Amino acid sequence: MPRYDYRCVQCGHVEEQIHGMKEIPEFKCSLCLAPMEKQFTPNFGGFIMKGGTPTIHWREKRLRMKKSEDLARKQKDAGHSGPRVVPNIAGHETGTWSDAPKMAKEAGLNHDSYTPFVEKEKKEKKTLVI
């Protein structure tokens, strides 16, 4: 709905009101209760849009996916497989993921969740040795 500026004919107080384009409401000044008149505002950017359409949401999602694919492609071309995640277990950083399950078990945390990282680190070490 568009926003309109209304000015008090008596005291000159200006207020912003929201109503439909075809409506012709009569507002009274909040200070002196005199009638208010609509002012001409050349700004047409005063619309309040609620929500969006499925097309807009789909387009934004597609652009985000394209940006992430472009970033992944650039990292792959540069030789990066992505950001390196450093193990941090219970506030203590370790140098390798193979130490992470042991430290998590000692701290009383779930140590099974570190298995994929340990396996990935082993694969990377095998590829570097060969």
Protein backbone atom coordinates (compact mmCIF):
# COMPACT_ATOMS: atom_id res chain seq x y z
CA MET A 1 0.00 0.00 0.00
CA PRO A 2 1.26 3.50 -0.73
CA ARG A 3 2.30 5.98 1.91
CA TYR A 4 1.04 9.56 1.82
CA ASP A 5 2.06 12.70 3.70
CA TYR A 6 -0.75 14.69 5.29
CA ARG A 7 -0.33 18.25 6.61
CA CYS A 8 -2.50 19.92 9.24
CA VAL A 9 -4.25 23.01 7.88
CA GLN A 10 -4.12 24.71 11.26
CA CYS A 11 -0.75 23.96 12.90
CA GLY A 12 1.28 22.64 9.91
CA HIS A 13 2.12 19.29 11.56
CA VAL A 14 3.01 16.61 8.95
CA GLU A 15 2.16 12.92 9.40
CA GLU A 16 2.63 9.90 7.18
CA GLN A 17 -0.49 7.81 6.54
CA ILE A 18 -0.93 4.51 4.73
CA HIS A 19 -4.06 3.76 2.70
CA GLY A 20 -5.17 2.45 -0.69
CA MET A 21 -4.88 4.57 -3.82
CA LYS A 22 -8.62 4.74 -4.44
CA GLU A 23 -9.50 5.58 -0.84
CA ILE A 24 -10.16 9.19 0.17
CA PRO A 25 -9.95 9.13 3.97
CA GLU A 26 -10.24 12.14 6.23
CA PHE A 27 -7.51 12.34 8.85
CA LYS A 28 -7.39 14.67 11.86
CA CYS A 29 -4.21 16.10 13.34
CA SER A 30 -2.97 14.20 16.37
CA LEU A 31 -1.91 17.50 18.03
CA CYS A 32 -4.80 19.91 17.48
CA LEU A 33 -7.54 17.66 15.95
CA ALA A 34 -7.92 19.95 12.91
CA PRO A 35 -8.48 18.39 9.45
CA MET A 36 -5.42 17.37 7.45
CA GLU A 37 -4.84 17.76 3.72
CA LYS A 38 -2.87 15.46 1.46
CA GLN A 39 0.48 16.79 0.27
CA PHE A 40 1.95 16.04 -3.12
CA THR A 41 5.06 13.90 -2.80
CA PRO A 42 7.03 13.20 -6.00
CA ASN A 43 8.56 10.12 -4.35
CA PHE A 44 6.90 6.94 -5.61
CA GLY A 45 9.20 4.64 -3.62
CA GLY A 46 6.89 4.62 -0.63
CA PHE A 47 5.21 1.27 -1.27
CA ILE A 48 5.19 -1.49 1.32
CA MET A 49 5.56 -4.88 -0.33
CA LYS A 50 4.66 -7.82 1.85
CA GLY A 51 6.26 -11.13 1.01
CA GLY A 52 7.25 -12.04 -2.49
CA THR A 53 6.18 -14.24 -5.32
CA PRO A 54 7.37 -17.81 -5.85
CA THR A 55 9.09 -16.61 -9.03
CA ILE A 56 11.18 -14.08 -7.10
CA HIS A 57 12.10 -16.65 -4.44
CA TRP A 58 13.08 -19.18 -7.13
CA ARG A 59 15.20 -16.60 -8.96
CA GLU A 60 17.02 -15.58 -5.77
CA LYS A 61 17.65 -19.23 -4.87
CA ARG A 62 18.97 -19.88 -8.38
CA LEU A 63 21.35 -16.90 -8.16
CA ARG A 64 22.66 -18.09 -4.76
CA MET A 65 23.22 -21.59 -6.16
CA LYS A 66 25.02 -20.18 -9.20
CA LYS A 67 27.29 -18.04 -7.02
CA SER A 68 28.20 -21.01 -4.83
CA GLU A 69 28.89 -23.16 -7.91
CA ASP A 70 31.10 -20.41 -9.37
CA LEU A 71 33.00 -20.15 -6.09
CA ALA A 72 33.47 -23.93 -5.92
CA ARG A 73 34.72 -23.96 -9.53
CA LYS A 74 37.19 -21.13 -8.82
CA GLN A 75 38.49 -22.91 -5.71
CA LYS A 76 38.87 -26.15 -7.64
CA ASP A 77 40.76 -24.36 -10.43
CA ALA A 78 43.03 -22.74 -7.84
CA GLY A 79 43.69 -26.10 -6.18
CA HIS A 80 41.57 -25.50 -3.09
CA SER A 81 39.00 -28.04 -2.03
CA GLY A 82 37.27 -25.53 0.22
CA PRO A 83 37.96 -23.87 3.53
CA ARG A 84 40.10 -25.93 5.87
CA VAL A 85 38.32 -26.85 9.05
CA VAL A 86 40.57 -27.01 12.10
CA PRO A 87 39.53 -29.49 14.81
CA ASN A 88 38.39 -27.74 17.99
CA ILE A 89 37.23 -30.11 20.69
CA ALA A 90 35.90 -28.66 23.94
CA GLY A 91 37.80 -25.42 23.28
CA HIS A 92 41.13 -27.09 22.50
CA GLU A 93 42.48 -26.97 18.96
CA THR A 94 44.34 -29.99 17.62
CA GLY A 95 46.62 -30.30 14.64
CA THR A 96 45.01 -33.39 13.11
CA TRP A 97 41.58 -34.98 13.00
CA SER A 98 42.97 -38.33 14.16
CA ASP A 99 43.42 -36.85 17.67
CA ALA A 100 39.86 -35.43 17.72
CA PRO A 101 37.92 -38.63 18.66
CA LYS A 102 40.28 -39.36 21.56
CA MET A 103 40.01 -35.80 22.91
CA ALA A 104 36.22 -35.81 22.51
CA LYS A 105 35.92 -39.09 24.39
CA GLU A 106 38.07 -37.70 27.22
CA ALA A 107 35.90 -34.56 27.34
CA GLY A 108 32.73 -36.67 27.51
CA LEU A 109 31.52 -35.67 24.03
CA ASN A 110 30.27 -37.82 21.16
CA HIS A 111 33.39 -39.10 19.43
CA ASP A 112 31.63 -40.91 16.55
CA SER A 113 30.83 -37.66 14.74
CA TYR A 114 34.52 -37.10 13.94
CA THR A 115 34.87 -40.32 11.91
CA PRO A 116 34.15 -38.72 8.48
CA PHE A 117 36.80 -36.06 9.09
CA VAL A 118 39.37 -38.67 10.14
CA GLU A 119 38.65 -40.72 7.00
CA LYS A 120 38.95 -37.65 4.78
CA GLU A 121 42.27 -36.73 6.38
CA LYS A 122 43.59 -40.27 5.78
CA LYS A 123 42.59 -40.09 2.10
CA GLU A 124 44.33 -36.73 1.69
CA LYS A 125 47.51 -38.05 3.29
CA LYS A 126 47.52 -41.10 0.96
CA THR A 127 47.17 -38.89 -2.12
CA LEU A 128 50.00 -36.63 -0.93
CA VAL A 129 52.39 -39.55 -0.30
CA ILE A 130 51.97 -41.09 -3.74
